[in-house]
C-alpha cells in the first residue's frame, strides 16, 4: 500500500487471497507450499484484522466472492514447474 501498488486494501487483499488459493489448489495438502500458504493466510489475516479491522473484514468478504477463472502459464496448469 505504501509504495502505491494498491489504492485500496480490497485490491491488496483480493490478490493475496488469489495467491493463497492458487498455492492451496495446485499443491497437495501434504506439500510444504500448501501448508505454508495456510499458515501465511492465517497470520496475515490476523495481522490485518488487528491493524484495521472493519475495513479489512469488508475487503476479505469481498475478496472471497467467486470470480472468473484466471489464466495460468502451462507449467503451472500442468503442475510441471
PDB file of N, CA and C in Angstrom:
ATOM      1  N   UNK A   1       0.828  -1.191   0.000  1.00  0.00           N
ATOM      2  CA  UNK A   1       0.000   0.000   0.000  1.00  0.00           C
ATOM      3  C   UNK A   1       0.870   1.252   0.000  1.00  0.00           C
ATOM      4  N   UNK A   2       1.883   1.282   0.830  1.00  0.00           N
ATOM      5  CA  UNK A   2       2.713   2.473   0.964  1.00  0.00           C
ATOM      6  C   UNK A   2       3.437   2.813  -0.345  1.00  0.00           C
ATOM      7  N   UNK A   3       3.818   1.808  -1.095  1.00  0.00           N
ATOM      8  CA  UNK A   3       4.540   2.045  -2.345  1.00  0.00           C
ATOM      9  C   UNK A   3       3.608   2.469  -3.477  1.00  0.00           C
ATOM     10  N   UNK A   4       2.308   2.401  -3.263  1.00  0.00           N
ATOM     11  CA  UNK A   4       1.351   2.838  -4.265  1.00  0.00           C
ATOM     12  C   UNK A   4       0.909   1.770  -5.244  1.00  0.00           C
ATOM     13  N   UNK A   5       1.315   0.530  -5.024  1.00  0.00           N
ATOM     14  CA  UNK A   5       0.915  -0.539  -5.931  1.00  0.00           C
ATOM     15  C   UNK A   5      -0.579  -0.822  -5.836  1.00  0.00           C
ATOM     16  N   UNK A   6      -1.158  -0.596  -4.675  1.00  0.00           N
ATOM     17  CA  UNK A   6      -2.586  -0.815  -4.453  1.00  0.00           C
ATOM     18  C   UNK A   6      -3.201   0.467  -3.917  1.00  0.00           C
ATOM     19  N   UNK A   7      -4.354   0.814  -4.462  1.00  0.00           N
ATOM     20  CA  UNK A   7      -5.045   2.003  -3.987  1.00  0.00           C
ATOM     21  C   UNK A   7      -5.938   1.744  -2.788  1.00  0.00           C
ATOM     22  N   UNK A   8      -6.305   0.472  -2.609  1.00  0.00           N
ATOM     23  CA  UNK A   8      -7.201   0.127  -1.503  1.00  0.00           C
ATOM     24  C   UNK A   8      -6.767  -1.197  -0.886  1.00  0.00           C
ATOM     25  N   UNK A   9      -7.221  -1.430   0.331  1.00  0.00           N
ATOM     26  CA  UNK A   9      -6.988  -2.719   0.975  1.00  0.00           C
ATOM     27  C   UNK A   9      -7.696  -3.824   0.210  1.00  0.00           C
ATOM     28  N   UNK A  10      -8.831  -3.497  -0.363  1.00  0.00           N
ATOM     29  CA  UNK A  10      -9.588  -4.507  -1.109  1.00  0.00           C
ATOM     30  C   UNK A  10      -8.748  -5.091  -2.240  1.00  0.00           C
ATOM     31  N   UNK A  11      -8.068  -4.229  -2.980  1.00  0.00           N
ATOM     32  CA  UNK A  11      -7.232  -4.698  -4.074  1.00  0.00           C
ATOM     33  C   UNK A  11      -6.089  -5.572  -3.599  1.00  0.00           C
ATOM     34  N   UNK A  12      -5.435  -5.141  -2.543  1.00  0.00           N
ATOM     35  CA  UNK A  12      -4.356  -5.935  -1.970  1.00  0.00           C
ATOM     36  C   UNK A  12      -4.878  -7.289  -1.506  1.00  0.00           C
ATOM     37  N   UNK A  13      -5.963  -7.254  -0.758  1.00  0.00           N
ATOM     38  CA  UNK A  13      -6.468  -8.486  -0.160  1.00  0.00           C
ATOM     39  C   UNK A  13      -6.976  -9.460  -1.222  1.00  0.00           C
ATOM     40  N   UNK A  14      -7.551  -8.934  -2.286  1.00  0.00           N
ATOM     41  CA  UNK A  14      -8.013  -9.807  -3.376  1.00  0.00           C
ATOM     42  C   UNK A  14      -6.833 -10.549  -3.996  1.00  0.00           C
ATOM     43  N   UNK A  15      -5.735  -9.852  -4.243  1.00  0.00           N
ATOM     44  CA  UNK A  15      -4.557 -10.507  -4.805  1.00  0.00           C
ATOM     45  C   UNK A  15      -3.954 -11.498  -3.814  1.00  0.00           C
ATOM     46  N   UNK A  16      -3.909 -11.121  -2.558  1.00  0.00           N
ATOM     47  CA  UNK A  16      -3.390 -12.013  -1.522  1.00  0.00           C
ATOM     48  C   UNK A  16      -4.206 -13.303  -1.477  1.00  0.00           C
ATOM     49  N   UNK A  17      -5.515 -13.191  -1.462  1.00  0.00           N
ATOM     50  CA  UNK A  17      -6.384 -14.370  -1.426  1.00  0.00           C
ATOM     51  C   UNK A  17      -6.184 -15.237  -2.660  1.00  0.00           C
ATOM     52  N   UNK A  18      -5.970 -14.628  -3.810  1.00  0.00           N
ATOM     53  CA  UNK A  18      -5.748 -15.388  -5.040  1.00  0.00           C
ATOM     54  C   UNK A  18      -4.433 -16.175  -4.957  1.00  0.00           C
ATOM     55  N   UNK A  19      -3.400 -15.557  -4.429  1.00  0.00           N
ATOM     56  CA  UNK A  19      -2.116 -16.245  -4.263  1.00  0.00           C
ATOM     57  C   UNK A  19      -2.279 -17.447  -3.338  1.00  0.00           C
ATOM     58  N   UNK A  20      -2.962 -17.247  -2.223  1.00  0.00           N
ATOM     59  CA  UNK A  20      -3.181 -18.331  -1.268  1.00  0.00           C
ATOM     60  C   UNK A  20      -4.024 -19.438  -1.907  1.00  0.00           C
ATOM     61  N   UNK A  21      -5.085 -19.047  -2.595  1.00  0.00           N
ATOM     62  CA  UNK A  21      -5.955 -20.041  -3.232  1.00  0.00           C
ATOM     63  C   UNK A  21      -5.187 -20.874  -4.256  1.00  0.00           C
ATOM     64  N   UNK A  22      -4.337 -20.227  -5.050  1.00  0.00           N
ATOM     65  CA  UNK A  22      -3.553 -20.958  -6.044  1.00  0.00           C
ATOM     66  C   UNK A  22      -2.558 -21.906  -5.386  1.00  0.00           C
ATOM     67  N   UNK A  23      -1.912 -21.448  -4.334  1.00  0.00           N
ATOM     68  CA  UNK A  23      -0.945 -22.305  -3.631  1.00  0.00           C
ATOM     69  C   UNK A  23      -1.635 -23.536  -3.061  1.00  0.00           C
ATOM     70  N   UNK A  24      -2.832 -23.357  -2.556  1.00  0.00           N
ATOM     71  CA  UNK A  24      -3.572 -24.482  -1.993  1.00  0.00           C
ATOM     72  C   UNK A  24      -4.125 -25.393  -3.082  1.00  0.00           C
ATOM     73  N   UNK A  25      -4.591 -24.801  -4.159  1.00  0.00           N
ATOM     74  CA  UNK A  25      -5.217 -25.580  -5.232  1.00  0.00           C
ATOM     75  C   UNK A  25      -4.195 -26.433  -5.991  1.00  0.00           C
ATOM     76  N   UNK A  26      -3.037 -25.871  -6.273  1.00  0.00           N
ATOM     77  CA  UNK A  26      -2.057 -26.543  -7.125  1.00  0.00           C
ATOM     78  C   UNK A  26      -1.010 -27.337  -6.352  1.00  0.00           C
ATOM     79  N   UNK A  27      -1.176 -27.472  -5.050  1.00  0.00           N
ATOM     80  CA  UNK A  27      -0.269 -28.278  -4.236  1.00  0.00           C
ATOM     81  C   UNK A  27      -1.094 -29.145  -3.295  1.00  0.00           C
ATOM     82  N   UNK A  28      -0.676 -30.360  -3.134  1.00  0.00           N
ATOM     83  CA  UNK A  28      -1.381 -31.278  -2.238  1.00  0.00           C
ATOM     84  C   UNK A  28      -1.308 -30.776  -0.809  1.00  0.00           C
ATOM     85  N   UNK A  29      -2.316 -31.092   0.016  1.00  0.00           N
ATOM     86  CA  UNK A  29      -2.303 -30.648   1.418  1.00  0.00           C
ATOM     87  C   UNK A  29      -1.057 -31.068   2.185  1.00  0.00           C
ATOM     88  N   UNK A  30      -0.415 -32.135   1.766  1.00  0.00           N
ATOM     89  CA  UNK A  30       0.796 -32.595   2.452  1.00  0.00           C
ATOM     90  C   UNK A  30       2.048 -31.835   2.018  1.00  0.00           C
ATOM     91  N   UNK A  31       1.951 -31.035   0.955  1.00  0.00           N
ATOM     92  CA  UNK A  31       3.107 -30.319   0.417  1.00  0.00           C
ATOM     93  C   UNK A  31       3.414 -29.074   1.256  1.00  0.00           C
ATOM     94  N   UNK A  32       4.699 -28.765   1.389  1.00  0.00           N
ATOM     95  CA  UNK A  32       5.107 -27.607   2.184  1.00  0.00           C
ATOM     96  C   UNK A  32       4.526 -26.290   1.664  1.00  0.00           C
ATOM     97  N   UNK A  33       4.372 -26.162   0.349  1.00  0.00           N
ATOM     98  CA  UNK A  33       3.805 -24.935  -0.217  1.00  0.00           C
ATOM     99  C   UNK A  33       2.367 -24.756   0.253  1.00  0.00           C
ATOM    100  N   UNK A  34       1.594 -25.820   0.222  1.00  0.00           N
ATOM    101  CA  UNK A  34       0.198 -25.772   0.682  1.00  0.00           C
ATOM    102  C   UNK A  34       0.146 -25.409   2.162  1.00  0.00           C
ATOM    103  N   UNK A  35       0.941 -26.105   2.962  1.00  0.00           N
ATOM    104  CA  UNK A  35       0.963 -25.855   4.403  1.00  0.00           C
ATOM    105  C   UNK A  35       1.405 -24.432   4.714  1.00  0.00           C
ATOM    106  N   UNK A  36       2.412 -23.951   4.008  1.00  0.00           N
ATOM    107  CA  UNK A  36       2.905 -22.593   4.229  1.00  0.00           C
ATOM    108  C   UNK A  36       1.857 -21.555   3.850  1.00  0.00           C
ATOM    109  N   UNK A  37       1.125 -21.811   2.770  1.00  0.00           N
ATOM    110  CA  UNK A  37       0.072 -20.879   2.349  1.00  0.00           C
ATOM    111  C   UNK A  37      -1.014 -20.775   3.402  1.00  0.00           C
ATOM    112  N   UNK A  38      -1.402 -21.898   3.976  1.00  0.00           N
ATOM    113  CA  UNK A  38      -2.430 -21.900   5.014  1.00  0.00           C
ATOM    114  C   UNK A  38      -1.951 -21.103   6.227  1.00  0.00           C
ATOM    115  N   UNK A  39      -0.714 -21.340   6.641  1.00  0.00           N
ATOM    116  CA  UNK A  39      -0.159 -20.637   7.800  1.00  0.00           C
ATOM    117  C   UNK A  39      -0.001 -19.140   7.518  1.00  0.00           C
ATOM    118  N   UNK A  40       0.500 -18.797   6.333  1.00  0.00           N
ATOM    119  CA  UNK A  40       0.659 -17.395   5.970  1.00  0.00           C
ATOM    120  C   UNK A  40      -0.687 -16.684   5.944  1.00  0.00           C
ATOM    121  N   UNK A  41      -1.683 -17.328   5.358  1.00  0.00           N
ATOM    122  CA  UNK A  41      -3.014 -16.730   5.300  1.00  0.00           C
ATOM    123  C   UNK A  41      -3.536 -16.449   6.703  1.00  0.00           C
ATOM    124  N   UNK A  42      -3.372 -17.400   7.591  1.00  0.00           N
ATOM    125  CA  UNK A  42      -3.839 -17.208   8.965  1.00  0.00           C
ATOM    126  C   UNK A  42      -3.123 -16.029   9.618  1.00  0.00           C
ATOM    127  N   UNK A  43      -1.814 -15.976   9.484  1.00  0.00           N
ATOM    128  CA  UNK A  43      -1.037 -14.908  10.125  1.00  0.00           C
ATOM    129  C   UNK A  43      -1.346 -13.539   9.541  1.00  0.00           C
ATOM    130  N   UNK A  44      -1.442 -13.457   8.229  1.00  0.00           N
ATOM    131  CA  UNK A  44      -1.715 -12.167   7.591  1.00  0.00           C
ATOM    132  C   UNK A  44      -3.121 -11.685   7.931  1.00  0.00           C
ATOM    133  N   UNK A  45      -4.086 -12.585   7.898  1.00  0.00           N
ATOM    134  CA  UNK A  45      -5.458 -12.190   8.256  1.00  0.00           C
ATOM    135  C   UNK A  45      -5.509 -11.656   9.686  1.00  0.00           C
ATOM    136  N   UNK A  46      -4.832 -12.340  10.591  1.00  0.00           N
ATOM    137  CA  UNK A  46      -4.804 -11.910  11.989  1.00  0.00           C
ATOM    138  C   UNK A  46      -4.133 -10.538  12.108  1.00  0.00           C
ATOM    139  N   UNK A  47      -3.008 -10.369  11.460  1.00  0.00           N
ATOM    140  CA  UNK A  47      -2.289  -9.099  11.490  1.00  0.00           C
ATOM    141  C   UNK A  47      -3.139  -7.963  10.937  1.00  0.00           C
ATOM    142  N   UNK A  48      -3.763  -8.200   9.802  1.00  0.00           N
ATOM    143  CA  UNK A  48      -4.569  -7.150   9.177  1.00  0.00           C
ATOM    144  C   UNK A  48      -5.830  -6.850   9.979  1.00  0.00           C
ATOM    145  N   UNK A  49      -6.442  -7.855  10.550  1.00  0.00           N
ATOM    146  CA  UNK A  49      -7.625  -7.634  11.373  1.00  0.00           C
ATOM    147  C   UNK A  49      -7.265  -6.802  12.598  1.00  0.00           C
ATOM    148  N   UNK A  50      -6.138  -7.090  13.211  1.00  0.00           N
ATOM    149  CA  UNK A  50      -5.695  -6.328  14.376  1.00  0.00           C
ATOM    150  C   UNK A  50      -5.373  -4.887  14.016  1.00  0.00           C
ATOM    151  N   UNK A  51      -4.881  -4.684  12.800  1.00  0.00           N
ATOM    152  CA  UNK A  51      -4.436  -3.350  12.394  1.00  0.00           C
ATOM    153  C   UNK A  51      -5.579  -2.454  11.951  1.00  0.00           C
ATOM    154  N   UNK A  52      -6.479  -2.963  11.146  1.00  0.00           N
ATOM    155  CA  UNK A  52      -7.550  -2.132  10.594  1.00  0.00           C
ATOM    156  C   UNK A  52      -8.796  -2.981  10.388  1.00  0.00           C
ATOM    157  N   UNK A  53      -9.337  -3.478  11.469  1.00  0.00           N
ATOM    158  CA  UNK A  53     -10.387  -4.473  11.471  1.00  0.00           C
ATOM    159  C   UNK A  53     -11.547  -4.281  10.530  1.00  0.00           C
ATOM    160  N   UNK A  54     -12.279  -3.211  10.635  1.00  0.00           N
ATOM    161  CA  UNK A  54     -13.522  -3.053   9.875  1.00  0.00           C
ATOM    162  C   UNK A  54     -13.271  -3.013   8.376  1.00  0.00           C
ATOM    163  N   UNK A  55     -12.332  -2.212   7.940  1.00  0.00           N
ATOM    164  CA  UNK A  55     -12.068  -2.082   6.505  1.00  0.00           C
ATOM    165  C   UNK A  55     -11.550  -3.390   5.933  1.00  0.00           C
ATOM    166  N   UNK A  56     -10.700  -4.075   6.675  1.00  0.00           N
ATOM    167  CA  UNK A  56     -10.133  -5.312   6.176  1.00  0.00           C
ATOM    168  C   UNK A  56     -11.130  -6.451   6.192  1.00  0.00           C
ATOM    169  N   UNK A  57     -12.001  -6.466   7.162  1.00  0.00           N
ATOM    170  CA  UNK A  57     -13.030  -7.505   7.202  1.00  0.00           C
ATOM    171  C   UNK A  57     -13.927  -7.393   5.972  1.00  0.00           C
ATOM    172  N   UNK A  58     -14.291  -6.182   5.609  1.00  0.00           N
ATOM    173  CA  UNK A  58     -15.101  -5.971   4.413  1.00  0.00           C
ATOM    174  C   UNK A  58     -14.324  -6.401   3.167  1.00  0.00           C
ATOM    175  N   UNK A  59     -13.049  -6.034   3.093  1.00  0.00           N
ATOM    176  CA  UNK A  59     -12.219  -6.421   1.949  1.00  0.00           C
ATOM    177  C   UNK A  59     -12.104  -7.934   1.852  1.00  0.00           C
ATOM    178  N   UNK A  60     -11.962  -8.595   2.986  1.00  0.00           N
ATOM    179  CA  UNK A  60     -11.845 -10.053   2.995  1.00  0.00           C
ATOM    180  C   UNK A  60     -13.112 -10.702   2.472  1.00  0.00           C
ATOM    181  N   UNK A  61     -14.258 -10.216   2.915  1.00  0.00           N
ATOM    182  CA  UNK A  61     -15.531 -10.779   2.435  1.00  0.00           C
ATOM    183  C   UNK A  61     -15.653 -10.597   0.933  1.00  0.00           C
ATOM    184  N   UNK A  62     -15.324  -9.409   0.439  1.00  0.00           N
ATOM    185  CA  UNK A  62     -15.439  -9.139  -0.990  1.00  0.00           C
ATOM    186  C   UNK A  62     -14.429  -9.942  -1.802  1.00  0.00           C
ATOM    187  N   UNK A  63     -13.235 -10.130  -1.266  1.00  0.00           N
ATOM    188  CA  UNK A  63     -12.204 -10.880  -1.991  1.00  0.00           C
ATOM    189  C   UNK A  63     -12.561 -12.349  -2.108  1.00  0.00           C
ATOM    190  N   UNK A  64     -13.344 -12.867  -1.185  1.00  0.00           N
ATOM    191  CA  UNK A  64     -13.710 -14.286  -1.208  1.00  0.00           C
ATOM    192  C   UNK A  64     -14.880 -14.586  -2.128  1.00  0.00           C
ATOM    193  N   UNK A  65     -15.509 -13.548  -2.670  1.00  0.00           N
ATOM    194  CA  UNK A  65     -16.603 -13.785  -3.603  1.00  0.00           C
ATOM    195  C   UNK A  65     -16.073 -14.501  -4.838  1.00  0.00           C
ATOM    196  N   UNK A  66     -16.871 -15.380  -5.416  1.00  0.00           N
ATOM    197  CA  UNK A  66     -16.420 -16.099  -6.618  1.00  0.00           C
ATOM    198  C   UNK A  66     -16.090 -15.126  -7.747  1.00  0.00           C
ATOM    199  N   UNK A  67     -15.020 -15.449  -8.465  1.00  0.00           N
ATOM    200  CA  UNK A  67     -14.612 -14.631  -9.594  1.00  0.00           C
ATOM    201  C   UNK A  67     -14.389 -15.531 -10.797  1.00  0.00           C
ATOM    202  N   UNK A  68     -14.209 -14.916 -11.937  1.00  0.00           N
ATOM    203  CA  UNK A  68     -13.897 -15.676 -13.137  1.00  0.00           C
ATOM    204  C   UNK A  68     -12.535 -16.331 -12.958  1.00  0.00           C
ATOM    205  N   UNK A  69     -12.335 -17.449 -13.617  1.00  0.00           N
ATOM    206  CA  UNK A  69     -11.050 -18.129 -13.512  1.00  0.00           C
ATOM    207  C   UNK A  69      -9.964 -17.288 -14.175  1.00  0.00           C
ATOM    208  N   UNK A  70      -8.738 -17.566 -13.819  1.00  0.00           N
ATOM    209  CA  UNK A  70      -7.615 -16.807 -14.341  1.00  0.00           C
ATOM    210  C   UNK A  70      -6.781 -17.663 -15.268  1.00  0.00           C
ATOM    211  N   UNK A  71      -5.985 -17.027 -16.098  1.00  0.00           N
ATOM    212  CA  UNK A  71      -5.065 -17.727 -16.974  1.00  0.00           C
ATOM    213  C   UNK A  71      -3.827 -18.102 -16.173  1.00  0.00           C
ATOM    214  N   UNK A  72      -3.396 -19.339 -16.316  1.00  0.00           N
ATOM    215  CA  UNK A  72      -2.159 -19.788 -15.687  1.00  0.00           C
ATOM    216  C   UNK A  72      -1.214 -20.278 -16.764  1.00  0.00           C
ATOM    217  N   UNK A  73       0.063 -19.947 -16.645  1.00  0.00           N
ATOM    218  CA  UNK A  73       1.024 -20.469 -17.619  1.00  0.00           C
ATOM    219  C   UNK A  73       0.954 -21.993 -17.652  1.00  0.00           C
ATOM    220  N   UNK A  74       1.280 -22.572 -18.774  1.00  0.00           N
ATOM    221  CA  UNK A  74       1.179 -24.016 -18.964  1.00  0.00           C
ATOM    222  C   UNK A  74       1.854 -24.839 -17.891  1.00  0.00           C
ATOM    223  N   UNK A  75       3.039 -24.403 -17.451  1.00  0.00           N
ATOM    224  CA  UNK A  75       3.741 -25.210 -16.463  1.00  0.00           C
ATOM    225  C   UNK A  75       2.995 -25.230 -15.140  1.00  0.00           C
ATOM    226  N   UNK A  76       2.332 -24.151 -14.772  1.00  0.00           N
ATOM    227  CA  UNK A  76       1.562 -24.137 -13.537  1.00  0.00           C
ATOM    228  C   UNK A  76       0.285 -24.950 -13.674  1.00  0.00           C
ATOM    229  N   UNK A  77      -0.363 -24.784 -14.800  1.00  0.00           N
ATOM    230  CA  UNK A  77      -1.616 -25.503 -15.008  1.00  0.00           C
ATOM    231  C   UNK A  77      -1.391 -27.005 -15.003  1.00  0.00           C
ATOM    232  N   UNK A  78      -0.250 -27.432 -15.484  1.00  0.00           N
ATOM    233  CA  UNK A  78       0.047 -28.860 -15.533  1.00  0.00           C
ATOM    234  C   UNK A  78       0.830 -29.327 -14.310  1.00  0.00           C
ATOM    235  N   UNK A  79       1.084 -28.420 -13.398  1.00  0.00           N
ATOM    236  CA  UNK A  79       1.873 -28.703 -12.188  1.00  0.00           C
ATOM    237  C   UNK A  79       3.267 -29.221 -12.531  1.00  0.00           C
ATOM    238  N   UNK A  80       3.802 -28.747 -13.648  1.00  0.00           N
ATOM    239  CA  UNK A  80       5.093 -29.242 -14.084  1.00  0.00           C
ATOM    240  C   UNK A  80       6.265 -28.317 -13.782  1.00  0.00           C
ATOM    241  N   UNK A  81       6.044 -27.252 -13.082  1.00  0.00           N
ATOM    242  CA  UNK A  81       7.146 -26.315 -12.805  1.00  0.00           C
ATOM    243  C   UNK A  81       8.021 -26.819 -11.679  1.00  0.00           C
TER     244      UNK A  81
END
